[in-house]
């Protein structure tokens, strides 16, 4: 079997982000992606070095949020 048979289809990737709120806290985004919370914060602080979209993050009252739609588009563009 080739590696392409194991790649998730576009429909599967869309289902991955279904029913999510518009904004996620870093802990929720990390859990969703199977990453550590620190990785999400690193993306925020080192976004230029890692080609992270600037619109991925939003700060409200000193709290950091991740925009779900931007995260979905960025992950889709990476695959």
Protein backbone atom coordinates (compact mmCIF):
# COMPACT_ATOMS: atom_id res chain seq x y z
CA UNK A 1 0.00 0.00 0.00
CA UNK A 2 1.20 3.48 -0.73
CA UNK A 3 1.40 6.34 1.76
CA UNK A 4 -1.29 8.26 -0.12
CA UNK A 5 -3.90 5.69 0.89
CA UNK A 6 -3.42 6.70 4.52
CA UNK A 7 -3.64 10.45 3.98
CA UNK A 8 -6.88 11.89 5.40
CA UNK A 9 -9.33 13.05 2.78
CA UNK A 10 -10.56 16.63 2.61
CA UNK A 11 -13.92 15.49 4.01
CA UNK A 12 -12.21 13.91 7.03
CA UNK A 13 -10.26 17.11 7.69
CA UNK A 14 -13.46 19.14 7.51
CA UNK A 15 -15.18 16.81 9.96
CA UNK A 16 -12.26 17.25 12.35
CA UNK A 17 -13.22 20.91 12.83
CA UNK A 18 -17.01 20.46 12.89
CA UNK A 19 -18.97 21.82 15.85
CA UNK A 20 -16.04 23.74 17.30
CA UNK A 21 -16.45 27.22 18.72
CA UNK A 22 -15.11 30.15 16.73
CA UNK A 23 -12.38 30.74 19.32
CA UNK A 24 -10.42 28.16 21.31
CA UNK A 25 -8.19 28.63 24.32
CA UNK A 26 -4.64 27.32 23.78
CA UNK A 27 -5.30 24.33 26.05
CA UNK A 28 -8.30 23.26 23.94
CA UNK A 29 -6.41 23.79 20.66
CA UNK A 30 -3.48 21.75 21.98
CA UNK A 31 -5.77 18.90 23.05
CA UNK A 32 -7.54 18.97 19.67
CA UNK A 33 -4.26 18.76 17.76
CA UNK A 34 -2.49 16.38 20.12
CA UNK A 35 0.16 18.95 21.00
CA UNK A 36 1.37 20.45 24.24
CA UNK A 37 -0.05 23.76 25.42
CA UNK A 38 3.49 25.17 25.32
CA UNK A 39 3.66 24.44 21.57
CA UNK A 40 0.64 26.67 20.98
CA UNK A 41 2.24 29.46 23.03
CA UNK A 42 5.51 28.97 21.11
CA UNK A 43 3.60 29.40 17.86
CA UNK A 44 2.25 32.68 19.20
CA UNK A 45 5.65 34.04 20.27
CA UNK A 46 7.68 32.72 17.32
CA UNK A 47 5.10 32.99 14.54
CA UNK A 48 7.38 34.76 12.07
CA UNK A 49 10.07 32.09 12.39
CA UNK A 50 7.54 29.28 11.94
CA UNK A 51 5.34 30.86 9.21
CA UNK A 52 2.29 30.95 11.47
CA UNK A 53 -0.52 33.16 10.11
CA UNK A 54 -0.66 36.39 12.14
CA UNK A 55 -4.45 36.21 12.28
CA UNK A 56 -4.38 32.80 14.03
CA UNK A 57 -4.24 34.37 17.47
CA UNK A 58 -6.44 36.89 19.23
CA UNK A 59 -5.83 38.47 22.64
CA UNK A 60 -8.78 39.61 24.71
CA UNK A 61 -8.19 40.97 28.21
CA UNK A 62 -4.72 39.42 28.35
CA UNK A 63 -6.12 36.00 27.41
CA UNK A 64 -4.92 34.25 24.26
CA UNK A 65 -7.39 32.61 21.87
CA UNK A 66 -6.91 30.60 18.67
CA UNK A 67 -9.24 31.31 15.75
CA UNK A 68 -10.70 27.98 14.60
CA UNK A 69 -11.26 28.95 10.95
CA UNK A 70 -7.71 30.26 10.54
CA UNK A 71 -6.33 27.13 12.21
CA UNK A 72 -8.38 24.94 9.85
CA UNK A 73 -7.19 26.84 6.76
CA UNK A 74 -3.56 26.80 7.92
CA UNK A 75 -3.58 23.06 8.61
CA UNK A 76 -5.23 22.38 5.25
CA UNK A 77 -2.58 24.44 3.47
CA UNK A 78 0.21 22.49 5.22
CA UNK A 79 -0.97 19.11 3.89
